[in-house]
Structures are given as structure tokens and as C-alpha cells.
Amino acid sequence: MKKTQMINYLKRLIFILLLCSGCDKIEDLLTFEVRDTTTFTIPSITGINSPIEIPVPPIESSSSEDFENNNTEAALVKDVILKELSLEIIDPEDKGFGFIKSIEIYISTKDEAEVMLASKYNIPVDQGNTLVLDPSGAKLDLYLKSDLYNLRTSVQVKEIPGRDITVEAGMTFRVTVDPL
């Protein structure tokens, strides 16, 4: 009898170990990315060292389509974080981000309060035309479940740009769903 109990105990232990070792693989199966892009313009009349707010049109999120493509729905989303937010100057092509001292980007919806999405401080003078911001780590579930969200950009410049600068923002969100 004791031998049977020991065998059953070992079977359960092996099952639990196998289950736990597969948790990362299961998490990978329940995780996918949502990508959105938008453009905004840094005006040439920007003042030095004073943060300016740059209007960004509301963004129609592609998340509903991405949820459907990944065989899920918004109600099953349990965790969304910003994986990456990169900026690229698209006009003029020869301009770099060295004229910017700092940048902060915030996200909000009509129902959810504004939270910081990403930022970058102390940008080097020789920064090229691409800039990767530091994600805030904020939990973004409710923002990405919304069909429409808003971004607010606050920029502090080191020098007046001389002309309007068009920037494309590319955002990658990591989405994890709960199958239960």
C-alpha cells in the first residue's frame, strides 16, 4: 500500500513539475503584440526650455482587429504594457532629435485618466532621426480595449527647430489574455 501511495505521489509531483515548466510556453501562447502608428508635428515656433504640448489626433486603435486575429476578445485581455515606442523624423529627412532636451508622451481615453506612456530625458545633441523612448511600465489594459485613445506629447527643446518637424510614432504593445 505504501508503495502505491509513493507512486501516486511521484506521479502528481511529476505532473506539477511539467505543468510549471510549461508556464512560460503557455504564457507565450496567450501573448501577442498590437502595433499602432501616428504622426505629429513639432512646430517651428517652439520656445526654448519651456515644455510645449503638441496636439496629436485621436488614434483609432487596431486592437479590436488584432484581438480577433488572435482568436480573443477585449473581455479576455488581462494585461497590456507598452513594449516599445519609437519616434522617427520623417520631414525633414536630414533632421535629428538633438534639438530636443526631453519628451514625454501620455495616453488617455474619454473614460480613463491620463497616464504617462513613455519618456526620454537628456537627449544627446548628436541624436539621429530615430529615438526610442523608455516605457513607463503603466498597465494599459483599459486604454487598448478602447476603440479610440488620445496621446498628449510634451516636448522641451534645446534650440528652436527653424521649421516644422513631422514625427512618426510607432508603438508596440504586449497583450496577454486570460483564456478562462
N, C-alpha and C. Protein backbone atom coordinates (compact mmCIF):
# COMPACT_ATOMS: atom_id res chain seq x y z
N MET A 1 0.81 -1.19 0.00
CA MET A 1 0.00 0.00 0.00
C MET A 1 0.86 1.26 0.00
N LYS A 2 1.92 1.23 0.76
CA LYS A 2 2.78 2.39 0.82
C LYS A 2 3.48 2.61 -0.52
N LYS A 3 3.79 1.55 -1.19
CA LYS A 3 4.44 1.68 -2.49
C LYS A 3 3.50 2.34 -3.49
N THR A 4 2.23 2.01 -3.48
CA THR A 4 1.22 2.61 -4.36
C THR A 4 1.05 4.09 -4.04
N GLN A 5 1.03 4.42 -2.77
CA GLN A 5 0.91 5.83 -2.38
C GLN A 5 2.11 6.62 -2.86
N MET A 6 3.28 6.02 -2.73
CA MET A 6 4.52 6.69 -3.16
C MET A 6 4.50 6.91 -4.67
N ILE A 7 4.05 5.93 -5.42
CA ILE A 7 3.98 6.05 -6.88
C ILE A 7 2.99 7.14 -7.27
N ASN A 8 1.82 7.18 -6.61
CA ASN A 8 0.84 8.23 -6.89
C ASN A 8 1.39 9.60 -6.54
N TYR A 9 2.10 9.70 -5.43
CA TYR A 9 2.71 10.97 -5.03
C TYR A 9 3.73 11.42 -6.08
N LEU A 10 4.57 10.51 -6.55
CA LEU A 10 5.57 10.84 -7.58
C LEU A 10 4.91 11.25 -8.89
N LYS A 11 3.83 10.59 -9.25
CA LYS A 11 3.11 10.96 -10.48
C LYS A 11 2.58 12.39 -10.38
N ARG A 12 1.99 12.71 -9.21
CA ARG A 12 1.48 14.07 -9.02
C ARG A 12 2.60 15.10 -9.05
N LEU A 13 3.70 14.78 -8.41
CA LEU A 13 4.84 15.67 -8.38
C LEU A 13 5.39 15.91 -9.79
N ILE A 14 5.51 14.86 -10.58
CA ILE A 14 6.00 14.99 -11.96
C ILE A 14 5.01 15.82 -12.78
N PHE A 15 3.72 15.59 -12.60
CA PHE A 15 2.72 16.37 -13.31
C PHE A 15 2.83 17.86 -12.97
N ILE A 16 2.97 18.17 -11.69
CA ILE A 16 3.09 19.57 -11.25
C ILE A 16 4.37 20.19 -11.82
N LEU A 17 5.46 19.46 -11.80
CA LEU A 17 6.71 19.99 -12.36
C LEU A 17 6.59 20.24 -13.86
N LEU A 18 5.97 19.32 -14.57
CA LEU A 18 5.76 19.51 -16.01
C LEU A 18 4.85 20.71 -16.27
N LEU A 19 3.82 20.85 -15.48
CA LEU A 19 2.90 21.97 -15.64
C LEU A 19 3.62 23.30 -15.40
N CYS A 20 4.42 23.35 -14.34
CA CYS A 20 5.13 24.60 -14.02
C CYS A 20 6.19 24.93 -15.07
N SER A 21 6.88 23.93 -15.57
CA SER A 21 7.91 24.20 -16.57
C SER A 21 7.30 24.67 -17.88
N GLY A 22 6.04 24.37 -18.11
CA GLY A 22 5.37 24.81 -19.32
C GLY A 22 4.66 26.14 -19.18
N CYS A 23 4.71 26.76 -18.00
CA CYS A 23 4.00 28.03 -17.78
C CYS A 23 4.48 29.12 -18.74
N ASP A 24 5.80 29.20 -18.94
CA ASP A 24 6.33 30.20 -19.87
C ASP A 24 5.82 29.94 -21.28
N LYS A 25 5.77 28.68 -21.67
CA LYS A 25 5.28 28.34 -23.00
C LYS A 25 3.80 28.67 -23.15
N ILE A 26 3.04 28.41 -22.10
CA ILE A 26 1.61 28.73 -22.12
C ILE A 26 1.43 30.24 -22.19
N GLU A 27 2.24 30.97 -21.40
CA GLU A 27 2.17 32.45 -21.41
C GLU A 27 2.47 32.97 -22.82
N ASP A 28 3.47 32.37 -23.49
CA ASP A 28 3.80 32.79 -24.86
C ASP A 28 2.62 32.57 -25.81
N LEU A 29 1.89 31.49 -25.61
CA LEU A 29 0.74 31.21 -26.47
C LEU A 29 -0.39 32.20 -26.24
N LEU A 30 -0.43 32.80 -25.05
CA LEU A 30 -1.50 33.72 -24.70
C LEU A 30 -1.09 35.18 -24.84
N THR A 31 0.07 35.41 -25.45
CA THR A 31 0.61 36.76 -25.59
C THR A 31 0.83 37.08 -27.06
N PHE A 32 0.47 38.31 -27.44
CA PHE A 32 0.71 38.77 -28.80
C PHE A 32 0.95 40.27 -28.76
N GLU A 33 1.28 40.85 -29.89
CA GLU A 33 1.58 42.28 -29.97
C GLU A 33 0.54 43.02 -30.79
N VAL A 34 0.30 44.26 -30.36
CA VAL A 34 -0.56 45.18 -31.11
C VAL A 34 0.32 46.37 -31.46
N ARG A 35 0.30 46.75 -32.74
CA ARG A 35 1.11 47.88 -33.20
C ARG A 35 0.20 48.99 -33.72
N ASP A 36 0.50 50.21 -33.30
CA ASP A 36 -0.21 51.38 -33.78
C ASP A 36 0.82 52.44 -34.15
N THR A 37 0.46 53.28 -35.12
CA THR A 37 1.33 54.39 -35.50
C THR A 37 0.50 55.67 -35.62
N THR A 38 1.17 56.78 -35.44
CA THR A 38 0.55 58.09 -35.63
C THR A 38 1.65 59.08 -35.96
N THR A 39 1.26 60.21 -36.47
CA THR A 39 2.23 61.27 -36.75
C THR A 39 1.80 62.54 -36.02
N PHE A 40 2.80 63.35 -35.69
CA PHE A 40 2.54 64.66 -35.10
C PHE A 40 3.62 65.61 -35.57
N THR A 41 3.37 66.90 -35.41
CA THR A 41 4.30 67.93 -35.88
C THR A 41 4.79 68.77 -34.72
N ILE A 42 6.11 68.91 -34.63
CA ILE A 42 6.71 69.83 -33.67
C ILE A 42 6.84 71.16 -34.40
N PRO A 43 6.10 72.18 -33.92
CA PRO A 43 6.08 73.45 -34.66
C PRO A 43 7.40 74.22 -34.54
N SER A 44 7.70 74.99 -35.57
CA SER A 44 8.95 75.77 -35.60
C SER A 44 8.94 76.92 -34.62
N ILE A 45 7.79 77.29 -34.08
CA ILE A 45 7.69 78.41 -33.16
C ILE A 45 7.90 77.99 -31.70
N THR A 46 8.38 76.77 -31.51
CA THR A 46 8.60 76.23 -30.18
C THR A 46 9.58 77.12 -29.40
N GLY A 47 9.26 77.38 -28.14
CA GLY A 47 10.16 78.16 -27.28
C GLY A 47 11.20 77.26 -26.63
N ILE A 48 12.36 77.80 -26.37
CA ILE A 48 13.45 77.04 -25.76
C ILE A 48 13.17 76.83 -24.28
N ASN A 49 13.48 75.64 -23.79
CA ASN A 49 13.39 75.23 -22.39
C ASN A 49 12.01 75.34 -21.76
N SER A 50 11.00 75.61 -22.51
CA SER A 50 9.67 75.61 -21.92
C SER A 50 8.87 74.47 -22.54
N PRO A 51 8.36 73.58 -21.72
CA PRO A 51 7.61 72.46 -22.30
C PRO A 51 6.42 72.96 -23.12
N ILE A 52 6.26 72.37 -24.28
CA ILE A 52 5.10 72.70 -25.11
C ILE A 52 4.29 71.42 -25.32
N GLU A 53 3.00 71.60 -25.41
CA GLU A 53 2.10 70.49 -25.66
C GLU A 53 1.89 70.41 -27.17
N ILE A 54 2.07 69.23 -27.71
CA ILE A 54 1.91 69.04 -29.15
C ILE A 54 0.65 68.23 -29.38
N PRO A 55 -0.29 68.80 -30.15
CA PRO A 55 -1.53 68.07 -30.40
C PRO A 55 -1.29 66.84 -31.28
N VAL A 56 -1.90 65.76 -30.88
CA VAL A 56 -1.85 64.51 -31.65
C VAL A 56 -3.30 64.10 -31.88
N PRO A 57 -3.69 63.86 -33.14
CA PRO A 57 -5.08 63.46 -33.39
C PRO A 57 -5.40 62.16 -32.65
N PRO A 58 -6.67 61.96 -32.23
CA PRO A 58 -7.04 60.70 -31.58
C PRO A 58 -6.66 59.52 -32.47
N ILE A 59 -6.25 58.45 -31.83
CA ILE A 59 -5.79 57.27 -32.56
C ILE A 59 -6.86 56.20 -32.51
N GLU A 60 -7.24 55.74 -33.67
CA GLU A 60 -8.18 54.62 -33.75
C GLU A 60 -7.35 53.36 -33.61
N SER A 61 -7.50 52.71 -32.48
CA SER A 61 -6.68 51.54 -32.18
C SER A 61 -7.01 50.38 -33.10
N SER A 62 -5.97 49.65 -33.46
CA SER A 62 -6.16 48.44 -34.26
C SER A 62 -6.37 47.23 -33.36
N SER A 63 -6.52 47.46 -32.06
CA SER A 63 -6.57 46.35 -31.11
C SER A 63 -7.75 45.40 -31.36
N SER A 64 -8.93 45.91 -31.70
CA SER A 64 -10.09 45.02 -31.93
C SER A 64 -9.77 44.01 -33.03
N GLU A 65 -9.18 44.50 -34.10
CA GLU A 65 -8.80 43.61 -35.21
C GLU A 65 -7.71 42.64 -34.76
N ASP A 66 -6.73 43.14 -34.00
CA ASP A 66 -5.67 42.27 -33.50
C ASP A 66 -6.21 41.22 -32.54
N PHE A 67 -7.18 41.60 -31.69
CA PHE A 67 -7.79 40.63 -30.79
C PHE A 67 -8.45 39.52 -31.61
N GLU A 68 -9.20 39.93 -32.63
CA GLU A 68 -9.90 38.95 -33.47
C GLU A 68 -8.89 38.05 -34.21
N ASN A 69 -7.82 38.64 -34.73
CA ASN A 69 -6.80 37.86 -35.44
C ASN A 69 -6.10 36.86 -34.52
N ASN A 70 -6.14 37.12 -33.22
CA ASN A 70 -5.51 36.22 -32.25
C ASN A 70 -6.55 35.41 -31.48
N ASN A 71 -7.72 35.28 -32.08
CA ASN A 71 -8.80 34.45 -31.54
C ASN A 71 -9.16 34.79 -30.10
N THR A 72 -9.26 36.08 -29.83
CA THR A 72 -9.67 36.51 -28.49
C THR A 72 -10.56 37.74 -28.60
N GLU A 73 -10.93 38.28 -27.48
CA GLU A 73 -11.76 39.49 -27.44
C GLU A 73 -11.30 40.35 -26.27
N ALA A 74 -11.71 41.59 -26.29
CA ALA A 74 -11.26 42.56 -25.27
C ALA A 74 -11.56 42.09 -23.86
N ALA A 75 -12.68 41.41 -23.65
CA ALA A 75 -13.05 40.96 -22.30
C ALA A 75 -12.05 39.97 -21.72
N LEU A 76 -11.30 39.28 -22.56
CA LEU A 76 -10.32 38.30 -22.08
C LEU A 76 -8.92 38.88 -21.87
N VAL A 77 -8.72 40.13 -22.25
CA VAL A 77 -7.40 40.74 -22.09
C VAL A 77 -7.16 41.00 -20.61
N LYS A 78 -6.02 40.48 -20.10
CA LYS A 78 -5.73 40.66 -18.68
C LYS A 78 -4.54 41.57 -18.43
N ASP A 79 -3.69 41.78 -19.43
CA ASP A 79 -2.50 42.58 -19.19
C ASP A 79 -2.02 43.19 -20.49
N VAL A 80 -1.84 44.52 -20.49
CA VAL A 80 -1.27 45.22 -21.65
C VAL A 80 -0.21 46.18 -21.12
N ILE A 81 0.96 46.10 -21.71
CA ILE A 81 2.02 47.06 -21.40
C ILE A 81 2.64 47.54 -22.70
N LEU A 82 3.24 48.72 -22.65
CA LEU A 82 3.96 49.22 -23.81
C LEU A 82 5.30 48.52 -23.86
N LYS A 83 5.57 47.87 -24.96
CA LYS A 83 6.84 47.18 -25.15
C LYS A 83 7.87 48.15 -25.73
N GLU A 84 7.43 48.97 -26.71
CA GLU A 84 8.36 49.92 -27.33
C GLU A 84 7.59 51.09 -27.93
N LEU A 85 8.17 52.27 -27.83
CA LEU A 85 7.66 53.44 -28.51
C LEU A 85 8.86 54.11 -29.17
N SER A 86 8.85 54.11 -30.48
CA SER A 86 9.96 54.74 -31.20
C SER A 86 9.43 55.89 -32.04
N LEU A 87 10.24 56.93 -32.12
CA LEU A 87 9.92 58.10 -32.91
C LEU A 87 10.90 58.20 -34.07
N GLU A 88 10.40 58.63 -35.22
CA GLU A 88 11.26 58.84 -36.38
C GLU A 88 10.85 60.15 -37.05
N ILE A 89 11.85 61.00 -37.30
CA ILE A 89 11.59 62.23 -38.03
C ILE A 89 11.44 61.86 -39.50
N ILE A 90 10.27 62.19 -40.07
CA ILE A 90 10.04 61.86 -41.47
C ILE A 90 10.13 63.09 -42.37
N ASP A 91 10.10 64.30 -41.78
CA ASP A 91 10.28 65.53 -42.55
C ASP A 91 10.76 66.64 -41.62
N PRO A 92 11.89 67.25 -41.88
CA PRO A 92 12.84 66.97 -42.96
C PRO A 92 13.66 65.71 -42.65
N GLU A 93 14.00 64.99 -43.68
CA GLU A 93 14.68 63.71 -43.53
C GLU A 93 16.07 63.84 -42.93
N ASP A 94 16.70 64.99 -43.08
CA ASP A 94 18.07 65.16 -42.59
C ASP A 94 18.15 65.71 -41.16
N LYS A 95 17.02 65.86 -40.49
CA LYS A 95 16.99 66.42 -39.13
C LYS A 95 17.07 65.30 -38.10
N GLY A 96 17.83 65.53 -37.03
CA GLY A 96 17.92 64.58 -35.92
C GLY A 96 17.20 65.12 -34.70
N PHE A 97 17.08 64.29 -33.68
CA PHE A 97 16.38 64.67 -32.46
C PHE A 97 17.26 65.44 -31.48
N GLY A 98 18.46 65.81 -31.86
CA GLY A 98 19.38 66.52 -30.97
C GLY A 98 18.88 67.87 -30.49
N PHE A 99 17.89 68.46 -31.15
CA PHE A 99 17.35 69.75 -30.73
C PHE A 99 16.39 69.61 -29.53
N ILE A 100 16.02 68.38 -29.20
CA ILE A 100 15.08 68.14 -28.09
C ILE A 100 15.86 67.84 -26.82
N LYS A 101 15.42 68.46 -25.74
CA LYS A 101 16.00 68.21 -24.41
C LYS A 101 15.32 67.01 -23.76
N SER A 102 13.97 66.99 -23.81
CA SER A 102 13.21 65.88 -23.23
C SER A 102 11.87 65.77 -23.93
N ILE A 103 11.28 64.57 -23.82
CA ILE A 103 9.95 64.34 -24.40
C ILE A 103 9.21 63.36 -23.49
N GLU A 104 7.94 63.65 -23.28
CA GLU A 104 7.05 62.78 -22.52
C GLU A 104 5.77 62.58 -23.34
N ILE A 105 5.30 61.34 -23.37
CA ILE A 105 4.06 61.05 -24.10
C ILE A 105 3.10 60.38 -23.12
N TYR A 106 1.87 60.91 -23.10
CA TYR A 106 0.83 60.44 -22.21
C TYR A 106 -0.31 59.84 -23.03
N ILE A 107 -1.05 58.91 -22.41
CA ILE A 107 -2.19 58.27 -23.07
C ILE A 107 -3.43 58.47 -22.21
N SER A 108 -4.59 58.64 -22.87
CA SER A 108 -5.87 58.75 -22.17
C SER A 108 -6.98 58.30 -23.12
N THR A 109 -8.15 58.08 -22.54
CA THR A 109 -9.36 57.83 -23.33
C THR A 109 -10.45 58.72 -22.75
N LYS A 110 -11.60 58.69 -23.36
CA LYS A 110 -12.70 59.52 -22.84
C LYS A 110 -13.13 59.05 -21.45
N ASP A 111 -12.88 57.78 -21.14
CA ASP A 111 -13.29 57.23 -19.84
C ASP A 111 -12.15 57.04 -18.84
N GLU A 112 -10.91 57.06 -19.33
CA GLU A 112 -9.76 56.76 -18.46
C GLU A 112 -8.85 57.98 -18.34
N ALA A 113 -8.38 58.21 -17.14
CA ALA A 113 -7.48 59.33 -16.86
C ALA A 113 -6.14 59.14 -17.57
N GLU A 114 -5.48 60.24 -17.77
CA GLU A 114 -4.19 60.25 -18.46
C GLU A 114 -3.10 59.61 -17.58
N VAL A 115 -2.27 58.77 -18.22
CA VAL A 115 -1.08 58.21 -17.58
C VAL A 115 0.09 58.36 -18.54
N MET A 116 1.30 58.41 -17.97
CA MET A 116 2.47 58.50 -18.83
C MET A 116 2.68 57.18 -19.56
N LEU A 117 2.90 57.27 -20.86
CA LEU A 117 3.13 56.11 -21.70
C LEU A 117 4.63 55.83 -21.82
N ALA A 118 5.40 56.90 -22.15
CA ALA A 118 6.84 56.74 -22.32
C ALA A 118 7.50 58.11 -22.25
N SER A 119 8.82 58.11 -22.06
CA SER A 119 9.55 59.37 -21.98
C SER A 119 11.02 59.16 -22.35
N LYS A 120 11.69 60.27 -22.56
CA LYS A 120 13.14 60.25 -22.79
C LYS A 120 13.67 61.59 -22.33
N TYR A 121 14.73 61.56 -21.52
CA TYR A 121 15.32 62.78 -20.98
C TYR A 121 16.80 62.84 -21.39
N ASN A 122 17.35 64.06 -21.35
CA ASN A 122 18.78 64.27 -21.65
C ASN A 122 19.18 63.65 -22.99
N ILE A 123 18.48 64.03 -24.02
CA ILE A 123 18.74 63.50 -25.36
C ILE A 123 20.02 64.14 -25.88
N PRO A 124 20.96 63.33 -26.36
CA PRO A 124 22.25 63.88 -26.81
C PRO A 124 22.10 64.75 -28.07
N VAL A 125 22.99 65.73 -28.19
CA VAL A 125 22.97 66.67 -29.31
C VAL A 125 23.15 65.93 -30.64
N ASP A 126 23.90 64.84 -30.65
CA ASP A 126 24.17 64.11 -31.90
C ASP A 126 23.15 62.99 -32.17
N GLN A 127 22.00 63.03 -31.48
CA GLN A 127 20.97 62.01 -31.68
C GLN A 127 20.49 62.03 -33.13
N GLY A 128 20.39 60.87 -33.74
CA GLY A 128 19.94 60.75 -35.12
C GLY A 128 18.45 61.00 -35.27
N ASN A 129 17.88 60.58 -36.39
CA ASN A 129 16.47 60.85 -36.67
C ASN A 129 15.53 59.79 -36.10
N THR A 130 16.06 58.85 -35.33
CA THR A 130 15.24 57.85 -34.65
C THR A 130 15.52 57.93 -33.15
N LEU A 131 14.47 57.84 -32.36
CA LEU A 131 14.59 57.94 -30.92
C LEU A 131 13.67 56.92 -30.28
N VAL A 132 14.23 56.04 -29.44
CA VAL A 132 13.44 55.05 -28.73
C VAL A 132 13.22 55.56 -27.31
N LEU A 133 11.96 55.68 -26.93
CA LEU A 133 11.61 56.19 -25.61
C LEU A 133 11.59 55.07 -24.58
N ASP A 134 11.64 55.45 -23.31
CA ASP A 134 11.60 54.50 -22.22
C ASP A 134 10.15 54.30 -21.78
N PRO A 135 9.61 53.08 -21.91
CA PRO A 135 8.22 52.83 -21.49
C PRO A 135 8.06 53.08 -19.99
N SER A 136 6.90 53.58 -19.60
CA SER A 136 6.63 53.88 -18.19
C SER A 136 6.33 52.63 -17.37
N GLY A 137 5.89 51.57 -18.02
CA GLY A 137 5.51 50.36 -17.30
C GLY A 137 4.06 50.38 -16.83
N ALA A 138 3.33 51.43 -17.19
CA ALA A 138 1.93 51.56 -16.77
C ALA A 138 1.09 50.42 -17.34
N LYS A 139 0.10 50.01 -16.56
CA LYS A 139 -0.85 48.99 -17.01
C LYS A 139 -1.84 49.67 -17.96
N LEU A 140 -1.95 49.17 -19.18
CA LEU A 140 -2.69 49.86 -20.24
C LEU A 140 -3.91 49.10 -20.76
N ASP A 141 -4.38 48.12 -20.02
CA ASP A 141 -5.50 47.28 -20.47
C ASP A 141 -6.69 48.12 -20.93
N LEU A 142 -7.15 49.01 -20.07
CA LEU A 142 -8.36 49.78 -20.36
C LEU A 142 -8.17 50.74 -21.53
N TYR A 143 -6.95 51.19 -21.77
CA TYR A 143 -6.68 52.13 -22.85
C TYR A 143 -6.72 51.40 -24.20
N LEU A 144 -6.11 50.21 -24.25
CA LEU A 144 -6.07 49.49 -25.52
C LEU A 144 -7.38 48.78 -25.84
N LYS A 145 -8.20 48.52 -24.83
CA LYS A 145 -9.51 47.93 -25.08
C LYS A 145 -10.45 48.95 -25.71
N SER A 146 -10.15 50.22 -25.56
CA SER A 146 -10.96 51.29 -26.12
C SER A 146 -10.73 51.36 -27.63
N ASP A 147 -11.76 51.73 -28.37
CA ASP A 147 -11.62 51.85 -29.82
C ASP A 147 -10.78 53.07 -30.22
N LEU A 148 -10.75 54.05 -29.33
CA LEU A 148 -10.08 55.32 -29.63
C LEU A 148 -9.32 55.76 -28.38
N TYR A 149 -8.06 56.16 -28.57
CA TYR A 149 -7.32 56.73 -27.45
C TYR A 149 -6.59 57.97 -27.90
N ASN A 150 -6.21 58.78 -26.93
CA ASN A 150 -5.54 60.06 -27.20
C ASN A 150 -4.13 60.03 -26.66
N LEU A 151 -3.24 60.68 -27.38
CA LEU A 151 -1.87 60.88 -26.89
C LEU A 151 -1.65 62.37 -26.71
N ARG A 152 -0.93 62.70 -25.68
CA ARG A 152 -0.50 64.08 -25.46
C ARG A 152 1.01 64.04 -25.36
N THR A 153 1.65 64.90 -26.12
CA THR A 153 3.11 64.94 -26.15
C THR A 153 3.58 66.26 -25.57
N SER A 154 4.50 66.15 -24.63
CA SER A 154 5.11 67.32 -24.02
C SER A 154 6.60 67.30 -24.38
N VAL A 155 7.05 68.38 -25.03
CA VAL A 155 8.43 68.44 -25.51
C VAL A 155 9.12 69.67 -24.95
N GLN A 156 10.36 69.48 -24.53
CA GLN A 156 11.20 70.60 -24.13
C GLN A 156 12.38 70.60 -25.10
N VAL A 157 12.64 71.74 -25.76
CA VAL A 157 13.70 71.80 -26.77
C VAL A 157 14.91 72.59 -26.26
N LYS A 158 16.08 72.27 -26.85
CA LYS A 158 17.32 72.97 -26.54
C LYS A 158 17.51 74.15 -27.48
N GLU A 159 16.98 74.00 -28.68
CA GLU A 159 17.12 75.05 -29.70
C GLU A 159 15.87 75.09 -30.56
N ILE A 160 15.58 76.24 -31.09
CA ILE A 160 14.40 76.39 -31.95
C ILE A 160 14.66 75.63 -33.25
N PRO A 161 13.73 74.75 -33.65
CA PRO A 161 13.97 73.90 -34.81
C PRO A 161 14.11 74.64 -36.15
N GLY A 162 13.56 75.83 -36.28
CA GLY A 162 13.71 76.56 -37.54
C GLY A 162 12.61 76.28 -38.56
N ARG A 163 12.04 75.10 -38.50
CA ARG A 163 10.90 74.74 -39.35
C ARG A 163 10.11 73.63 -38.69
N ASP A 164 8.88 73.43 -39.14
CA ASP A 164 8.07 72.37 -38.58
C ASP A 164 8.74 71.02 -38.83
N ILE A 165 8.64 70.13 -37.84
CA ILE A 165 9.25 68.81 -37.95
C ILE A 165 8.15 67.77 -37.76
N THR A 166 7.99 66.91 -38.75
CA THR A 166 6.98 65.86 -38.71
C THR A 166 7.60 64.58 -38.17
N VAL A 167 6.95 64.02 -37.16
CA VAL A 167 7.46 62.84 -36.46
C VAL A 167 6.42 61.72 -36.56
N GLU A 168 6.91 60.52 -36.83
CA GLU A 168 6.04 59.34 -36.80
C GLU A 168 6.35 58.56 -35.53
N ALA A 169 5.31 58.24 -34.78
CA ALA A 169 5.44 57.44 -33.56
C ALA A 169 4.94 56.03 -33.83
N GLY A 170 5.77 55.06 -33.54
CA GLY A 170 5.39 53.66 -33.68
C GLY A 170 5.35 53.02 -32.30
N MET A 171 4.20 52.45 -31.95
CA MET A 171 4.02 51.87 -30.63
C MET A 171 3.76 50.38 -30.75
N THR A 172 4.43 49.61 -29.91
CA THR A 172 4.20 48.18 -29.84
C THR A 172 3.76 47.85 -28.42
N PHE A 173 2.56 47.28 -28.31
CA PHE A 173 2.00 46.89 -27.02
C PHE A 173 2.06 45.38 -26.89
N ARG A 174 2.43 44.88 -25.71
CA ARG A 174 2.39 43.44 -25.45
C ARG A 174 1.07 43.14 -24.73
N VAL A 175 0.29 42.24 -25.32
CA VAL A 175 -1.04 41.92 -24.80
C VAL A 175 -1.04 40.46 -24.35
N THR A 176 -1.51 40.24 -23.12
CA THR A 176 -1.66 38.88 -22.60
C THR A 176 -3.13 38.67 -22.27
N VAL A 177 -3.66 37.52 -22.70
CA VAL A 177 -5.07 37.22 -22.47
C VAL A 177 -5.22 36.12 -21.43
N ASP A 178 -6.37 36.08 -20.81
CA ASP A 178 -6.72 35.06 -19.84
C ASP A 178 -7.75 34.16 -20.49
N PRO A 179 -7.41 32.90 -20.78
CA PRO A 179 -8.32 32.03 -21.52
C PRO A 179 -9.53 31.60 -20.70
N LEU A 180 -9.51 31.86 -19.41
CA LEU A 180 -10.63 31.39 -18.57
C LEU A 180 -11.57 32.47 -18.39
